[in-house]
N, C-alpha and C. Protein backbone atom coordinates (compact mmCIF):
# COMPACT_ATOMS: atom_id res chain seq x y z
N UNK A 1 93.30 93.46 78.51
CA UNK A 1 92.96 94.61 79.47
C UNK A 1 92.22 95.28 78.61
N UNK A 2 90.39 96.01 79.19
CA UNK A 2 90.14 96.51 78.48
C UNK A 2 90.15 97.99 78.82
N UNK A 3 90.23 98.59 77.24
CA UNK A 3 90.37 99.92 77.59
C UNK A 3 89.23 100.82 77.26
N UNK A 4 88.88 101.94 77.97
CA UNK A 4 87.63 102.91 77.55
C UNK A 4 87.64 103.48 76.09
N UNK A 5 86.80 103.45 75.18
CA UNK A 5 86.58 103.53 73.87
C UNK A 5 87.45 104.64 73.87
N UNK A 6 87.27 105.60 74.61
CA UNK A 6 87.63 106.97 74.02
C UNK A 6 89.34 107.47 73.80
N UNK A 7 89.41 106.61 74.80
CA UNK A 7 90.95 106.15 74.99
C UNK A 7 91.44 105.41 73.51
N UNK A 8 91.01 104.60 73.15
CA UNK A 8 91.43 103.76 72.04
C UNK A 8 90.95 104.33 70.58
N UNK A 9 90.17 105.38 70.80
CA UNK A 9 89.83 106.25 69.74
C UNK A 9 90.55 107.24 69.37
N UNK A 10 91.18 108.26 70.57
CA UNK A 10 92.41 108.96 70.57
C UNK A 10 93.39 108.59 70.40
N UNK A 11 93.96 107.23 70.58
CA UNK A 11 94.88 106.89 70.47
C UNK A 11 95.03 105.62 68.70
N UNK A 12 94.31 105.62 68.24
CA UNK A 12 93.98 104.96 66.76
C UNK A 12 94.16 103.61 67.25
N UNK A 13 93.42 103.37 68.20
CA UNK A 13 93.42 101.85 68.48
C UNK A 13 94.01 101.10 69.46
N UNK A 14 95.44 101.53 69.83
CA UNK A 14 96.35 101.18 70.57
C UNK A 14 96.03 102.25 71.80
N UNK A 15 96.43 101.50 73.29
CA UNK A 15 96.59 102.34 74.28
C UNK A 15 98.14 103.10 74.44
N UNK A 16 98.39 103.87 74.92
CA UNK A 16 99.81 104.76 74.93
C UNK A 16 100.34 103.77 75.86
N UNK A 17 101.49 103.62 75.68
CA UNK A 17 102.67 102.80 76.57
C UNK A 17 102.32 103.00 78.21
N UNK A 18 102.62 104.53 78.13
CA UNK A 18 102.64 105.23 79.56
C UNK A 18 101.56 104.41 80.52
N UNK A 19 100.03 104.89 79.53
CA UNK A 19 99.02 104.41 80.56
C UNK A 19 98.94 103.11 81.12
N UNK A 20 99.95 101.86 79.92
CA UNK A 20 100.07 100.49 80.41
C UNK A 20 101.00 100.11 81.43
N UNK A 21 102.09 101.24 81.53
CA UNK A 21 102.68 101.35 82.73
C UNK A 21 101.79 101.59 84.00
N UNK A 22 101.62 102.83 83.86
CA UNK A 22 100.64 103.72 84.76
C UNK A 22 99.86 102.49 85.86
N UNK A 23 99.22 101.18 85.13
CA UNK A 23 98.33 100.49 85.42
C UNK A 23 98.65 99.56 86.33
N UNK A 24 100.14 99.66 86.62
CA UNK A 24 101.17 97.94 86.83
C UNK A 24 101.71 98.76 87.98
N UNK A 25 100.98 97.98 89.04
CA UNK A 25 101.82 98.59 90.37
C UNK A 25 103.49 98.32 90.56
N UNK A 26 103.52 99.33 91.16
CA UNK A 26 105.13 99.91 91.18
C UNK A 26 106.04 98.01 92.50
N UNK A 27 107.01 97.85 91.51
CA UNK A 27 107.74 97.03 92.68
C UNK A 27 108.34 97.60 93.95
N UNK A 28 108.76 98.73 93.89
CA UNK A 28 109.33 98.98 94.83
C UNK A 28 108.92 100.30 95.36
N UNK A 29 108.46 100.54 96.47
CA UNK A 29 107.78 101.83 97.29
C UNK A 29 108.43 102.96 98.10
N UNK A 30 108.17 104.24 98.28
CA UNK A 30 109.13 104.66 99.15
C UNK A 30 108.31 104.54 100.57
N UNK A 31 109.21 105.36 101.71
CA UNK A 31 108.45 104.95 102.89
C UNK A 31 107.08 105.69 103.23
N UNK A 32 107.40 106.50 102.32
CA UNK A 32 105.75 107.14 102.67
C UNK A 32 104.48 106.25 102.00
N UNK A 33 104.91 105.71 100.65
CA UNK A 33 104.02 104.79 99.98
C UNK A 33 103.92 103.10 100.89
N UNK A 34 105.10 103.22 101.52
CA UNK A 34 104.97 101.75 102.33
C UNK A 34 104.04 102.06 103.56
N UNK A 35 103.83 103.02 104.01
CA UNK A 35 103.45 103.70 105.34
C UNK A 35 102.06 103.23 104.87
N UNK A 36 101.50 103.91 103.97
CA UNK A 36 100.24 103.92 103.24
C UNK A 36 99.88 102.72 103.19
N UNK A 37 100.83 101.44 102.43
CA UNK A 37 100.26 100.51 101.92
C UNK A 37 100.10 99.28 103.40
N UNK A 38 100.94 99.67 104.89
CA UNK A 38 100.49 99.13 105.87
C UNK A 38 99.61 99.72 106.68
N UNK A 39 99.04 100.84 106.47
CA UNK A 39 98.34 101.75 106.85
C UNK A 39 98.46 102.16 108.39
N UNK A 40 99.94 102.85 108.35
CA UNK A 40 100.35 103.32 109.87
C UNK A 40 100.73 104.90 109.00
N UNK A 41 101.42 105.51 109.77
CA UNK A 41 101.75 106.71 109.68
C UNK A 41 103.41 106.20 109.26
N UNK A 42 103.62 107.70 108.61
CA UNK A 42 105.15 107.55 108.30
C UNK A 42 106.27 107.25 109.50
N UNK A 43 106.10 107.66 110.29
CA UNK A 43 106.72 108.09 111.52
C UNK A 43 106.88 106.49 112.13
N UNK A 44 105.35 105.76 112.31
CA UNK A 44 105.38 104.34 112.71
C UNK A 44 105.83 103.26 111.55
N UNK A 45 106.08 103.59 110.61
CA UNK A 45 106.42 102.60 109.40
C UNK A 45 108.19 102.89 109.70
N UNK A 46 108.90 104.06 110.05
CA UNK A 46 110.35 103.87 110.33
C UNK A 46 110.68 103.45 111.86
N UNK A 47 109.69 103.39 112.92
CA UNK A 47 109.64 102.33 114.00
C UNK A 47 109.68 101.08 113.53
N UNK A 48 108.46 100.45 112.67
CA UNK A 48 108.62 99.26 112.11
C UNK A 48 109.76 98.53 111.47
N UNK A 49 110.53 99.59 110.85
CA UNK A 49 111.96 99.36 110.08
C UNK A 49 113.09 98.95 110.92
N UNK A 50 113.01 99.52 111.69
CA UNK A 50 114.10 99.16 113.14
C UNK A 50 113.99 98.08 114.07
N UNK A 51 112.67 97.24 113.72
CA UNK A 51 112.48 95.77 114.54
C UNK A 51 113.70 95.14 113.90
N UNK A 52 113.70 94.07 114.70
CA UNK A 52 114.60 92.96 114.55
C UNK A 52 114.12 91.85 113.49
N UNK A 53 112.60 91.86 113.42
CA UNK A 53 111.77 90.97 112.43
C UNK A 53 111.58 91.75 111.34
N UNK A 54 112.05 92.93 110.94
CA UNK A 54 111.51 93.51 109.44
C UNK A 54 112.21 93.10 108.62
N UNK A 55 112.40 92.40 107.40
CA UNK A 55 112.63 91.71 106.53
C UNK A 55 114.16 92.70 106.22
N UNK A 56 114.70 91.74 106.19
CA UNK A 56 116.17 92.47 105.55
C UNK A 56 116.67 93.04 103.96
N UNK A 57 115.58 92.06 103.49
CA UNK A 57 115.75 91.83 101.71
C UNK A 57 114.74 93.33 101.81
N UNK A 58 114.04 93.87 102.42
CA UNK A 58 112.79 95.02 101.72
C UNK A 58 113.77 96.01 101.84
N UNK A 59 114.65 96.22 102.22
CA UNK A 59 115.13 97.82 101.57
C UNK A 59 116.32 97.89 100.69
N UNK A 60 116.30 98.51 99.54
CA UNK A 60 116.98 98.88 98.84
C UNK A 60 117.41 100.32 98.55
N UNK A 61 118.95 100.35 98.52
CA UNK A 61 119.67 101.89 98.86
C UNK A 61 119.92 101.95 97.47
N UNK A 62 119.37 103.05 97.13
CA UNK A 62 120.16 104.05 95.71
C UNK A 62 120.82 104.58 95.69
N UNK A 63 120.76 105.46 96.94
CA UNK A 63 121.89 106.32 97.18
C UNK A 63 121.08 107.65 98.34
N UNK A 64 122.13 108.33 99.31
CA UNK A 64 121.75 108.64 100.71
C UNK A 64 120.76 109.30 101.00
N UNK A 65 119.61 109.68 100.07
CA UNK A 65 118.68 110.08 99.76
C UNK A 65 117.84 109.42 99.25
N UNK A 66 118.15 108.01 98.28
CA UNK A 66 116.94 107.56 97.45
C UNK A 66 116.55 106.17 98.07
N UNK A 67 115.80 105.39 99.20
CA UNK A 67 115.76 104.55 99.78
C UNK A 67 114.48 103.83 98.93
N UNK A 68 113.75 102.74 98.53
CA UNK A 68 113.17 102.52 98.24
C UNK A 68 112.73 100.99 99.11
N UNK A 69 111.59 100.47 99.15
CA UNK A 69 110.96 98.97 99.92
C UNK A 69 110.50 98.24 98.79
N UNK A 70 110.66 96.71 99.05
CA UNK A 70 110.47 95.81 97.99
C UNK A 70 108.69 95.52 98.65
N UNK A 71 107.77 95.88 97.72
CA UNK A 71 106.15 95.66 97.78
C UNK A 71 106.00 94.03 98.24
N UNK A 72 106.57 93.13 97.97
CA UNK A 72 106.36 91.79 98.28
C UNK A 72 107.02 91.39 99.92
N UNK A 73 108.29 92.06 100.49
CA UNK A 73 108.72 91.80 101.33
C UNK A 73 107.81 92.51 102.32
N UNK A 74 107.46 94.05 102.01
CA UNK A 74 106.44 94.31 103.22
C UNK A 74 105.14 93.43 103.47
N UNK A 75 104.75 93.30 102.22
CA UNK A 75 103.26 92.50 102.42
C UNK A 75 103.34 90.97 103.32
N UNK A 76 104.29 90.31 102.98
CA UNK A 76 104.51 89.29 103.48
C UNK A 76 105.15 89.51 105.33
N UNK A 77 105.88 91.06 105.71
CA UNK A 77 106.23 91.22 106.89
C UNK A 77 104.63 91.74 107.61
N UNK A 78 103.89 92.38 106.48
CA UNK A 78 101.96 92.54 107.50
C UNK A 78 101.83 90.99 107.83
N UNK A 79 102.04 90.30 106.60
CA UNK A 79 101.13 88.80 106.97
C UNK A 79 101.55 88.64 107.98
N UNK A 80 102.95 88.47 108.65
CA UNK A 80 103.60 87.72 109.62
C UNK A 80 102.94 88.12 111.14
N UNK A 81 102.03 89.55 110.71
CA UNK A 81 101.44 89.91 112.36
C UNK A 81 100.37 88.96 112.29
N UNK A 82 99.53 88.77 111.45
CA UNK A 82 98.29 88.16 111.69
C UNK A 82 98.79 86.97 112.15
N UNK A 83 97.94 86.77 113.44
CA UNK A 83 97.74 85.16 114.18
C UNK A 83 96.48 84.66 114.08
N UNK A 84 96.54 83.68 114.36
CA UNK A 84 95.15 82.80 114.19
C UNK A 84 94.19 83.29 115.36
N UNK A 85 93.02 83.56 115.33
CA UNK A 85 92.01 83.75 116.63
C UNK A 85 92.11 83.34 117.39
N UNK A 86 92.15 83.98 118.51
CA UNK A 86 92.35 83.43 119.91
C UNK A 86 91.26 83.64 120.79
N UNK A 87 91.21 82.93 121.81
CA UNK A 87 89.65 83.25 122.34
C UNK A 87 90.29 84.15 123.13
N UNK A 88 88.51 84.34 123.69
CA UNK A 88 88.92 85.54 124.42
C UNK A 88 89.27 85.70 126.12
N UNK A 89 90.62 86.41 126.60
CA UNK A 89 91.66 86.59 127.48
C UNK A 89 90.18 86.12 128.73
N UNK A 90 91.23 85.17 129.89
CA UNK A 90 90.34 85.38 130.85
C UNK A 90 89.87 85.73 131.66
N UNK A 91 90.53 87.33 131.85
CA UNK A 91 90.03 87.79 132.42
C UNK A 91 88.70 89.02 132.14
N UNK A 92 88.48 89.21 130.71
CA UNK A 92 87.67 89.36 130.08
C UNK A 92 86.05 88.64 129.89
N UNK A 93 86.37 86.95 130.06
CA UNK A 93 85.32 85.96 130.78
C UNK A 93 84.92 86.38 132.10
N UNK A 94 85.85 86.51 132.80
CA UNK A 94 85.74 86.68 134.22
C UNK A 94 84.32 87.82 134.49
N UNK A 95 85.24 88.97 134.06
CA UNK A 95 84.18 89.89 133.87
C UNK A 95 83.01 90.29 133.55
N UNK A 96 82.96 89.18 132.45
CA UNK A 96 81.28 89.30 131.90
C UNK A 96 80.48 88.16 132.46
N UNK A 97 81.13 87.24 133.56
CA UNK A 97 80.25 86.31 134.38
C UNK A 97 79.66 87.11 135.50
N UNK A 98 80.74 87.89 135.89
CA UNK A 98 80.52 89.07 137.05
C UNK A 98 78.96 90.00 136.99
N UNK A 99 78.93 90.35 135.60
CA UNK A 99 78.14 91.13 135.24
C UNK A 99 77.38 90.72 134.77
N UNK A 100 77.12 89.23 134.38
CA UNK A 100 75.83 88.87 133.64
C UNK A 100 74.78 88.19 135.20
N UNK A 101 75.67 88.28 135.90
CA UNK A 101 74.90 87.60 137.44
C UNK A 101 74.44 88.54 138.07
N UNK A 102 72.85 88.41 138.50
CA UNK A 102 72.15 89.36 139.19
C UNK A 102 72.59 89.30 140.74
């Protein structure tokens, strides 16, 4: 990892351990972090969480008010929504043909 010169000089040539840890992406995220990661609101995330296809191994409960979600499981869940490119729906094709004819 390349550290800025001023950080290395200030710390005697060695980066601080806290700075190294801060640069590592967390394994577990909160509901708010999961919502940001998925690009949805916090309310929409909780709606997604109640779906049957939400990964059961994604949720980690440390206590009644401390729930975290595995980043990798959320990424896999988001990728499951990606589908192969589909052709244009038939009703749009018909509408385009009707408008294009004089």
